[in-house]
Protein backbone atom coordinates (compact mmCIF):
# COMPACT_ATOMS: atom_id res chain seq x y z
CA MET A 1 -5.21 -41.25 66.82
CA SER A 2 -4.04 -38.25 68.69
CA GLU A 3 -0.33 -37.44 70.42
CA SER A 4 -2.26 -34.85 72.82
CA THR A 5 -4.43 -37.89 74.83
CA SER A 6 -4.06 -38.09 78.67
CA PRO A 7 -0.19 -37.28 79.61
CA SER A 8 -0.76 -40.81 81.67
CA LYS A 9 -0.67 -43.09 78.32
CA LEU A 10 -0.68 -46.83 79.19
CA SER A 11 2.37 -48.92 79.68
CA LEU A 12 1.84 -52.36 77.14
CA GLU A 13 4.07 -55.37 78.81
CA PRO A 14 4.64 -57.13 75.42
CA VAL A 15 1.91 -59.79 75.89
CA GLN A 16 -0.43 -57.85 77.28
CA GLU A 17 -3.82 -58.10 75.35
CA ILE A 18 -5.78 -54.12 74.52
CA ALA A 19 -9.11 -54.55 73.40
CA ALA A 20 -9.76 -53.06 69.92
CA ASP A 21 -12.35 -50.11 71.56
CA ARG A 22 -9.40 -49.13 73.78
CA VAL A 23 -7.23 -48.26 70.55
CA ALA A 24 -7.98 -44.46 71.35
CA CYS A 25 -6.23 -44.37 74.46
CA LEU A 26 -2.98 -45.16 72.94
CA SER A 27 0.00 -43.65 71.86
CA ARG A 28 1.92 -43.77 67.91
CA ALA A 29 4.58 -45.45 69.42
CA ASP A 30 2.57 -48.39 72.07
CA LEU A 31 -0.15 -48.81 69.13
CA LEU A 32 3.08 -49.59 66.66
CA ARG A 33 4.44 -51.88 69.52
CA GLU A 34 1.22 -53.39 70.48
CA LEU A 35 0.91 -54.40 66.25
CA GLY A 36 4.21 -56.06 66.46
CA GLN A 37 3.76 -57.87 68.97
CA ARG A 38 0.01 -59.62 67.43
CA LEU A 39 2.25 -59.72 64.20
CA SER A 40 4.92 -61.82 66.07
CA ARG A 41 2.75 -64.14 67.65
CA ASP A 42 1.15 -64.86 64.08
CA ASP A 43 -2.37 -63.20 65.49
CA VAL A 44 -2.89 -61.39 62.17
CA ASP A 45 -6.86 -61.24 62.72
CA GLY A 46 -5.57 -59.33 66.15
CA ALA A 47 -3.95 -56.97 64.60
CA LYS A 48 -6.31 -56.26 61.94
CA GLN A 49 -8.58 -54.83 64.33
CA LEU A 50 -6.31 -52.72 66.16
CA TYR A 51 -5.18 -51.44 62.50
CA CYS A 52 -8.25 -50.95 60.59
CA ARG A 53 -9.80 -48.87 63.86
CA SER A 54 -6.86 -46.44 64.02
CA ALA A 55 -7.85 -42.72 63.76
CA GLU A 56 -3.84 -42.38 61.95
CA ASP A 57 -2.42 -44.28 59.01
CA ILE A 58 0.23 -45.33 60.61
CA GLY A 59 1.03 -48.24 58.15
CA TYR A 60 4.23 -46.94 56.64
CA GLU A 61 5.55 -46.64 59.89
CA LEU A 62 4.58 -49.82 60.22
CA ILE A 63 6.85 -51.30 57.56
CA HIS A 64 9.60 -49.37 58.58
CA VAL A 65 9.56 -50.96 62.10
CA VAL A 66 8.73 -54.63 60.70
CA GLY A 67 8.04 -54.68 56.62
CA SER A 68 11.77 -56.05 55.84
CA GLY A 69 12.51 -58.50 58.70
CA ALA A 70 10.82 -61.88 59.49
CA LEU A 71 7.39 -60.24 60.38
CA ALA A 72 6.61 -59.22 56.62
CA PRO A 73 5.12 -62.48 55.67
CA ALA A 74 2.54 -61.53 58.52
CA LEU A 75 2.33 -57.67 57.80
CA VAL A 76 1.36 -58.52 54.29
CA ARG A 77 -1.06 -60.32 55.28
CA LEU A 78 -2.64 -57.22 57.64
CA PHE A 79 -2.30 -55.00 54.66
CA VAL A 80 -3.99 -57.37 52.54
CA GLU A 81 -6.84 -58.29 54.23
CA SER A 82 -6.95 -55.02 55.80
CA ARG A 83 -7.36 -54.35 51.80
CA ASP A 84 -4.67 -51.70 51.96
CA TYR A 85 -3.15 -53.31 48.85
CA TYR A 86 -0.91 -50.64 47.78
CA LYS A 87 1.21 -50.75 51.12
CA ALA A 88 0.92 -54.71 50.92
CA ALA A 89 2.33 -54.35 47.28
CA GLN A 90 5.37 -52.29 48.82
CA VAL A 91 5.98 -54.96 51.40
CA PHE A 92 5.78 -57.70 48.62
CA GLU A 93 8.68 -55.51 46.81
CA THR A 94 10.99 -55.37 49.22
CA MET A 95 10.49 -59.26 49.77
CA GLY A 96 11.34 -59.44 46.15
CA ASP A 97 7.65 -61.26 45.13
CA LEU A 98 7.54 -58.21 41.97
CA PRO A 99 4.51 -60.65 40.67
CA ALA A 100 2.42 -60.04 43.52
CA ALA A 101 3.70 -56.42 44.17
CA ALA A 102 2.95 -55.98 40.54
CA ALA A 103 -0.47 -57.45 41.16
CA HIS A 104 -1.22 -55.35 44.28
CA PHE A 105 -0.12 -52.06 42.58
CA ALA A 106 -3.36 -53.08 40.63
CA LEU A 107 -5.37 -54.03 42.90
CA ALA A 108 -4.66 -50.45 44.37
CA GLU A 109 -5.04 -48.85 40.90
CA ALA A 110 -1.98 -47.77 41.20
CA TYR A 111 -1.57 -48.41 37.43
CA ILE A 112 1.99 -47.21 36.81
CA PRO A 113 4.20 -48.65 39.49
CA ALA A 114 2.35 -52.38 38.48
CA ALA A 115 3.02 -51.73 35.00
CA ASP A 116 6.54 -51.04 35.93
CA LEU A 117 6.09 -55.05 38.10
CA PHE A 118 4.81 -56.42 35.74
CA ALA A 119 7.11 -55.64 32.71
CA GLN A 120 10.20 -56.46 34.99
CA VAL A 121 8.86 -59.79 35.12
CA GLY A 122 7.83 -60.52 31.64
CA ASP A 123 4.33 -59.80 31.60
CA VAL A 124 4.30 -57.37 28.50
CA GLU A 125 0.22 -57.72 28.27
CA LYS A 126 0.02 -57.09 31.70
CA ALA A 127 2.10 -54.23 31.44
CA ALA A 128 0.46 -53.23 28.44
CA GLU A 129 -3.02 -53.59 30.05
CA MET A 130 -1.71 -51.23 33.04
CA CYS A 131 -1.04 -48.88 30.80
CA GLU A 132 -4.12 -48.21 29.24
CA LYS A 133 -5.67 -47.97 32.31
CA ALA A 134 -3.57 -45.13 33.44
CA GLY A 135 -4.02 -43.08 30.24
CA SER A 136 -0.53 -43.71 28.85
CA TYR A 137 -1.42 -44.88 25.17
CA GLY A 138 1.51 -44.75 24.07
CA GLN A 139 3.52 -47.22 26.47
CA ALA A 140 0.52 -49.35 26.37
CA ALA A 141 0.53 -49.33 22.50
CA SER A 142 4.43 -50.12 22.74
CA PHE A 143 3.87 -53.46 24.97
CA PHE A 144 0.75 -54.33 22.98
CA SER A 145 2.89 -54.48 19.58
CA GLY A 146 5.74 -56.43 21.49
CA CYS A 147 3.31 -59.26 22.21
CA GLY A 148 1.25 -59.30 19.28
CA ARG A 149 -1.65 -58.08 19.93
CA TRP A 150 -1.87 -55.87 17.01
CA GLY A 151 -5.47 -54.80 17.23
CA ASP A 152 -5.31 -53.50 20.80
CA ALA A 153 -2.08 -52.03 20.03
CA GLY A 154 -3.69 -49.98 16.61
CA ARG A 155 -6.22 -48.67 19.59
CA ASN A 156 -4.03 -47.27 21.73
CA TYR A 157 -1.93 -45.48 19.20
CA GLN A 158 -5.04 -44.13 17.81
CA LYS A 159 -6.03 -42.69 21.47
CA ALA A 160 -2.43 -41.43 21.52
CA ALA A 161 -3.00 -39.58 18.09
CA GLN A 162 -0.12 -41.64 16.33
CA GLY A 163 -2.29 -42.18 13.01
CA LEU A 164 0.94 -43.84 11.08
CA GLU A 165 1.89 -46.12 13.90
CA ALA A 166 -1.94 -47.28 14.55
CA GLY A 167 -2.56 -47.89 10.50
CA GLU A 168 0.16 -50.29 10.35
CA ALA A 169 -0.86 -52.30 13.88
CA PHE A 170 -4.08 -52.10 12.25
CA ALA A 171 -2.31 -53.85 8.80
CA LYS A 172 -1.07 -56.16 10.94
CA ALA A 173 -3.85 -57.41 12.36
CA GLY A 174 -5.52 -56.90 9.14
CA ASP A 175 -8.67 -54.68 10.29
CA HIS A 176 -8.05 -52.97 6.56
CA LYS A 177 -10.99 -50.67 7.51
CA ARG A 178 -9.14 -48.78 10.31
CA ALA A 179 -5.93 -49.22 8.95
CA LEU A 180 -6.80 -47.17 6.13
CA GLU A 181 -9.04 -44.84 8.17
CA CYS A 182 -5.55 -43.73 10.23
CA LEU A 183 -2.93 -43.69 7.30
CA GLN A 184 -5.27 -41.18 4.93
CA LYS A 185 -4.98 -38.80 7.65
CA VAL A 186 -1.09 -39.29 7.30
CA GLY A 187 -0.74 -35.66 4.74
CA PRO A 188 2.19 -35.37 2.99
CA GLY A 189 3.81 -32.30 5.22
CA ASP A 190 3.17 -35.21 8.22
CA PRO A 191 6.68 -37.00 9.01
CA GLY A 192 6.30 -40.51 8.01
CA TYR A 193 3.81 -39.76 5.02
CA SER A 194 6.13 -42.10 2.78
CA ARG A 195 5.98 -44.97 5.26
CA ALA A 196 2.06 -44.54 5.70
CA VAL A 197 1.74 -44.63 2.19
CA GLU A 198 4.08 -47.57 1.61
CA LEU A 199 1.91 -49.44 3.98
CA LEU A 200 -1.29 -47.86 2.68
CA GLY A 201 -1.11 -48.83 -1.14
CA PRO A 202 -0.36 -53.18 -0.22
CA THR A 203 -3.76 -52.77 1.65
CA LEU A 204 -5.53 -51.02 -1.13
CA GLU A 205 -4.58 -53.25 -3.81
CA GLU A 206 -6.06 -55.94 -1.70
CA MET A 207 -8.79 -54.72 -1.97
CA GLY A 208 -8.90 -54.48 -5.62
CA LEU A 209 -7.94 -50.73 -6.22
CA GLU A 210 -5.23 -50.57 -8.15
CA ASP A 211 -5.48 -47.73 -9.65
CA LEU A 212 -5.94 -45.50 -6.74
CA ALA A 213 -2.67 -47.16 -4.71
CA LEU A 214 -0.34 -46.40 -8.04
CA ARG A 215 -1.98 -42.86 -7.51
CA LYS A 216 -0.86 -42.61 -4.21
CA TYR A 217 2.39 -44.23 -4.65
CA GLU A 218 3.22 -41.71 -7.62
CA GLU A 219 1.84 -38.59 -4.94
CA ALA A 220 3.97 -39.94 -2.23
CA VAL A 221 6.94 -39.82 -4.81
CA ARG A 222 6.14 -36.62 -6.37
CA ALA A 223 5.95 -34.99 -2.45
CA ARG A 224 9.70 -35.65 -2.68
CA ASP A 225 10.68 -33.98 -5.54
CA GLY A 226 11.86 -36.96 -6.76
CA VAL A 227 14.52 -37.71 -4.17
CA ILE A 228 15.26 -41.05 -3.35
CA ASP A 229 16.68 -42.10 -0.02
CA ASP A 230 16.13 -44.91 3.17
CA ASP A 231 13.15 -43.45 3.97
CA ASN A 232 11.01 -43.91 0.79
CA VAL A 233 13.15 -46.47 -1.11
CA GLY A 234 10.14 -48.76 -0.43
CA LEU A 235 7.45 -46.38 -1.88
CA TYR A 236 9.33 -46.86 -5.65
CA TYR A 237 9.61 -50.98 -4.99
CA ARG A 238 5.83 -50.55 -4.38
CA LEU A 239 5.75 -48.64 -7.77
CA ALA A 240 7.66 -51.56 -9.47
CA ARG A 241 6.12 -54.19 -8.77
CA LEU A 242 2.49 -52.75 -8.88
CA CYS A 243 3.49 -51.39 -12.48
CA GLU A 244 4.86 -54.93 -13.42
CA ARG A 245 1.54 -56.18 -12.67
CA LEU A 246 -0.48 -53.78 -14.61
CA GLY A 247 1.40 -54.43 -17.49
CA ASP A 248 3.51 -51.28 -17.60
CA VAL A 249 7.03 -52.33 -18.15
CA GLU A 250 9.10 -49.49 -18.82
CA ARG A 251 7.81 -47.50 -15.75
CA ALA A 252 8.71 -50.70 -13.39
CA LYS A 253 12.06 -50.42 -15.34
CA ALA A 254 12.46 -46.71 -14.59
CA ALA A 255 11.66 -47.40 -11.28
CA TYR A 256 14.07 -49.72 -10.81
CA VAL A 257 16.53 -48.02 -12.18
CA ARG A 258 15.97 -45.29 -9.53
CA ILE A 259 15.65 -48.13 -6.85
CA LEU A 260 19.51 -49.64 -7.63
CA ASP A 261 21.12 -46.31 -8.25
CA HIS A 262 20.25 -45.87 -4.26
CA ASP A 263 20.93 -49.61 -3.31
CA LEU A 264 22.18 -52.20 -5.51
CA THR A 265 20.93 -55.08 -2.81
CA TYR A 266 17.55 -54.26 -1.92
CA GLU A 267 15.33 -56.96 -1.62
CA ASP A 268 15.08 -58.06 -5.73
CA ALA A 269 14.72 -54.87 -7.65
CA ARG A 270 18.09 -56.44 -9.68
CA GLU A 271 16.67 -59.84 -10.54
CA ARG A 272 13.29 -58.26 -11.71
CA TYR A 273 14.94 -55.42 -13.67
CA ARG A 274 17.12 -58.01 -15.26
CA SER A 275 13.83 -60.33 -15.55
CA LEU A 276 12.21 -57.28 -17.52
CA GLN A 277 15.12 -56.28 -19.91
CA SER A 278 16.02 -59.95 -20.73
CA ASP A 279 11.83 -60.98 -21.10
CA THR A 280 11.25 -59.76 -24.64
CA THR A 281 9.41 -62.62 -25.83
CA LYS A 282 6.56 -61.77 -22.91
CA ALA A 283 3.76 -60.90 -24.43
CA ARG A 284 1.62 -57.58 -23.05
CA PRO A 285 -1.13 -58.51 -21.03
CA ARG A 286 -4.75 -57.62 -21.74
CA ALA A 287 -5.00 -53.80 -20.86
CA THR A 288 -8.29 -54.93 -18.46
CA GLU A 289 -6.85 -57.44 -16.71
CA PRO A 290 -3.49 -57.26 -14.13
CA ALA A 291 -0.75 -58.82 -14.72
CA SER A 292 1.81 -61.43 -12.80
CA ASP A 293 3.71 -60.16 -10.62
CA VAL A 294 6.33 -62.78 -11.12
CA PRO A 295 8.45 -61.50 -14.26
CA GLY A 296 10.03 -64.38 -16.16
CA VAL A 297 7.78 -67.26 -15.97
CA VAL A 298 7.36 -68.53 -19.28
CA VAL A 299 4.47 -67.72 -21.27
CA LEU A 300 2.55 -70.89 -21.43
CA ASP A 301 -0.08 -69.50 -24.41
CA GLU A 302 -0.14 -66.64 -26.62
CA ASP A 303 -3.06 -64.61 -24.05
CA ARG A 304 -1.87 -64.94 -20.26
CA SER A 305 0.48 -67.63 -18.42
CA VAL A 306 -1.44 -70.07 -15.99
CA VAL A 307 0.57 -68.47 -13.03
CA GLU A 308 -1.34 -65.20 -13.85
CA LYS A 309 -4.37 -66.70 -13.78
CA SER A 310 -4.29 -68.74 -11.03
CA LEU A 311 -4.90 -68.07 -7.48
CA LEU A 312 -2.40 -70.98 -6.32
CA PHE A 313 0.60 -68.65 -7.50
CA ARG A 314 -0.35 -66.04 -4.82
CA GLY A 315 2.67 -64.83 -2.36
CA LEU A 316 4.92 -67.16 -4.14
CA SER A 317 8.26 -66.03 -5.64
CA PHE A 318 9.65 -66.51 -9.10
CA GLU A 319 12.15 -69.69 -7.70
CA GLU A 320 9.19 -71.26 -5.95
CA ILE A 321 7.04 -70.94 -9.31
CA ARG A 322 10.27 -72.48 -11.22
CA SER A 323 10.89 -75.09 -9.33
CA LEU A 324 6.79 -76.02 -9.26
CA LEU A 325 6.08 -75.39 -13.39
CA GLN A 326 9.71 -77.12 -13.94
CA LEU A 327 7.57 -80.69 -13.20
CA THR A 328 4.56 -79.70 -15.27
CA GLN A 329 3.65 -82.16 -18.10
CA LYS A 330 0.61 -80.61 -20.35
CA VAL A 331 -2.08 -82.60 -21.44
CA VAL A 332 -4.29 -81.43 -24.34
CA PHE A 333 -8.25 -82.68 -24.38
CA ALA A 334 -11.29 -82.17 -26.40
CA LYS A 335 -14.57 -81.80 -25.48
CA GLY A 336 -16.19 -84.55 -23.80
CA ASP A 337 -13.26 -86.45 -22.52
CA VAL A 338 -13.21 -88.16 -19.85
CA LEU A 339 -10.07 -86.71 -18.10
CA VAL A 340 -10.35 -88.91 -14.58
CA ARG A 341 -12.60 -92.49 -14.59
CA GLU A 342 -14.45 -93.18 -11.41
CA GLY A 343 -12.80 -95.43 -8.74
CA GLU A 344 -9.38 -93.80 -10.20
CA PRO A 345 -7.38 -91.34 -8.36
CA PHE A 346 -6.41 -87.92 -9.81
CA PRO A 347 -3.24 -88.05 -11.47
CA GLY A 348 -1.48 -85.03 -9.62
CA LEU A 349 -2.20 -81.50 -9.09
CA CYS A 350 -3.62 -80.23 -12.38
CA LEU A 351 -3.89 -76.45 -13.44
CA ILE A 352 -6.39 -75.69 -16.10
CA ASP A 353 -4.88 -73.23 -18.44
CA ARG A 354 -7.51 -73.45 -21.57
CA GLY A 355 -10.82 -74.67 -21.57
CA GLU A 356 -13.07 -75.87 -18.83
CA VAL A 357 -13.53 -79.10 -16.85
CA GLU A 358 -16.34 -80.49 -14.64
CA ILE A 359 -15.98 -82.61 -11.59
CA CYS A 360 -19.13 -85.23 -11.59
CA MET A 361 -20.50 -87.61 -9.13
CA LYS A 362 -22.84 -90.96 -9.89
CA MET A 363 -25.52 -91.20 -7.50
CA GLU A 364 -25.12 -94.41 -4.94
CA GLU A 365 -29.02 -95.51 -5.71
CA ASP A 366 -29.09 -94.73 -9.28
CA ALA A 367 -25.89 -94.83 -11.68
CA SER A 368 -27.35 -93.70 -14.27
CA LYS A 369 -28.06 -90.38 -12.97
CA VAL A 370 -25.18 -87.81 -12.85
CA VAL A 371 -24.24 -84.43 -10.50
CA ARG A 372 -21.99 -82.09 -11.67
CA LEU A 373 -20.41 -81.36 -8.08
CA THR A 374 -18.50 -77.62 -9.68
CA ARG A 375 -17.11 -76.30 -12.75
CA PHE A 376 -13.34 -75.45 -12.96
CA GLY A 377 -12.08 -73.29 -15.93
CA PRO A 378 -8.59 -71.36 -17.04
CA GLY A 379 -6.71 -70.38 -13.65
CA ASP A 380 -7.98 -72.93 -11.67
CA HIS A 381 -7.21 -76.19 -10.40
CA PHE A 382 -8.26 -79.45 -8.78
CA GLY A 383 -6.46 -83.00 -7.45
CA GLU A 384 -5.40 -80.71 -5.15
CA LEU A 385 -5.40 -83.19 -2.21
CA THR A 386 -2.12 -84.79 -3.85
CA VAL A 387 -0.72 -82.22 -1.69
CA ILE A 388 -1.56 -83.85 1.34
CA GLY A 389 -1.20 -87.22 -0.17
CA ALA A 390 -5.04 -88.08 -0.20
CA ASP A 391 -6.50 -89.69 -3.23
CA ARG A 392 -9.76 -88.68 -4.51
CA ALA A 393 -11.51 -91.58 -5.86
CA GLY A 394 -15.05 -93.47 -5.37
CA ARG A 395 -17.87 -92.31 -7.64
CA ILE A 396 -16.44 -88.77 -8.18
CA PHE A 397 -14.83 -88.44 -12.11
CA ALA A 398 -13.50 -85.93 -14.31
CA ILE A 399 -15.32 -84.61 -17.65
CA ALA A 400 -14.01 -81.86 -19.96
CA ALA A 401 -16.92 -79.63 -20.73
CA ALA A 402 -15.06 -77.77 -23.57
CA GLU A 403 -11.83 -78.60 -25.15
CA GLY A 404 -8.29 -77.02 -23.24
CA SER A 405 -5.61 -78.15 -21.80
CA TYR A 406 -4.11 -78.11 -18.45
CA TYR A 407 -0.69 -78.74 -17.02
CA VAL A 408 -0.44 -81.87 -14.57
CA VAL A 409 2.12 -81.86 -11.43
CA PRO A 410 2.76 -85.97 -11.53
CA ARG A 411 1.93 -86.78 -7.53
CA ASP A 412 4.99 -88.75 -6.92
CA ALA A 413 6.88 -84.96 -8.45
CA MET A 414 4.65 -82.99 -6.01
CA THR A 415 5.19 -85.04 -2.79
CA SER A 416 8.85 -85.10 -3.51
CA LEU A 417 9.17 -81.19 -3.77
CA LEU A 418 6.96 -80.48 -1.42
CA GLU A 419 8.74 -82.78 1.06
CA ARG A 420 12.00 -80.73 0.47
CA SER A 421 10.18 -77.30 0.70
CA PRO A 422 7.77 -76.98 3.57
CA ALA A 423 7.32 -73.42 3.35
CA LEU A 424 6.53 -73.72 -0.17
CA LYS A 425 3.84 -76.38 1.46
CA ALA A 426 2.27 -73.72 3.45
CA LYS A 427 1.61 -71.23 0.55
CA LEU A 428 -0.02 -73.84 -1.79
CA LEU A 429 -2.36 -74.87 1.05
CA GLU A 430 -3.07 -71.53 1.97
CA ASN A 431 -4.11 -70.74 -1.37
CA MET A 432 -6.03 -73.92 -1.92
CA MET A 433 -8.47 -72.88 0.74
CA LEU A 434 -8.70 -69.28 -0.57
CA ALA A 435 -9.89 -70.83 -3.84
CA LEU A 436 -11.73 -73.58 -2.18
CA ASP A 437 -13.56 -70.66 -0.51
CA LEU A 438 -14.73 -68.93 -3.79
CA HIS A 439 -16.20 -72.35 -5.18
CA LEU A 440 -17.88 -73.04 -1.79
CA GLU A 441 -21.02 -71.30 -2.43
CA GLN A 442 -21.40 -72.76 -6.24
CA SER A 443 -21.09 -76.74 -4.35
CA LEU A 444 -23.65 -75.51 -1.70
CA GLY A 445 -26.11 -74.68 -4.58
CA VAL A 446 -25.59 -77.93 -6.01
CA ILE A 447 -26.17 -79.82 -2.92
CA LYS A 448 -29.04 -77.83 -1.60
CA ALA A 449 -30.80 -78.52 -5.29
CA MET A 450 -29.66 -82.55 -4.77
CA TRP A 451 -31.64 -82.04 -1.31
CA ALA A 452 -34.91 -80.76 -2.66
CA ARG A 453 -34.81 -83.78 -5.10
CA LYS A 454 -34.52 -85.59 -2.93
CA GLN A 455 -30.83 -87.37 -4.22
CA VAL A 456 -28.69 -86.29 -0.96
CA PRO A 457 -29.87 -89.09 1.76
CA SER A 458 -31.01 -87.65 4.98
């Protein structure tokens, strides 16, 4: 549209219709007036034809004239139908419809204002996605962290070259491989090195690389010349816990002393130090096997306690373990003893301390045929359905494959304990699933063999 058209500009009456192909004959003022008239009659289609044929951008003038009044809804429809999403977003924002404004800024690929508005209305995930599209990776990662999308947060922290934050996010996402890649790049001279090792160590421990984790803790402590402060006290705690697990009691105690010199209330350092100090009867573990990370538990045999052997106690606190063990009754058995007879419920949750127990089943079509479903040894448990109130009867029975002993938590006592502690119940169920996974392959092998012998009905 040009202001230098013929001096005899077309003068419009308020209701006069102008054909779309005559837009070039209109001045800006006349075109704005005509668009306003059509919008006032809700003739959005006619207004769209005029607006789209305009040779100049008059959208902002149109917003100034009618964008905040009664014609705003019709104007925003004009912009949307004309695919002028950026101006539509501005009108939506003026109208107070922030979600629609954010969505249309996104359609216009104006990702930063879209992110700002999504954040204002509480849609943090969309705000994060907009920031990532805009290349604002650090802000995107922060938003993704806020809504618990740790994998996406880690990816964006990586793009923002924030290795420590990326490693922490990947660790929370359970992506140990990428967490290691990021955390190992944080060197002794980098800010946050202590925190990086504090995060890196547990991941290495979970992978069974305890010696490497110990070396990392020691390197990080030395990097600060032995100075302990709020930034690296967590390292000393990790070091103490790992030494405790590996049976190096003196080093564990020394690390706890350093922690307590700095902060008497840090985590459970004081209780753990006292336990190590007073536990003079505790036998040292084998050099080739890790010790329990729970000190102060009564040793149940001369070698290693059932706590140290069993996955069932993984992640339980000292008090939770003690509350469970206080309910146990010891059962000694000889090879060949029937521990649970066919058709009888299991007596409770049974934790094998010594010996081996076979779980067997009699075939329905031939009771003389017995199939061994699985074999449990020290540290394993059976009768776990007690935890959820189910009985394991039918053709299943348990027999001692080698002499030994187990500790049983009676069903009624277990039910009462778990009713009082839902958190303990959740931990036990998680650990039982982990143990079940370890035995699943063995059970599948038995089933396949039975199928091959046609002992499993099709």
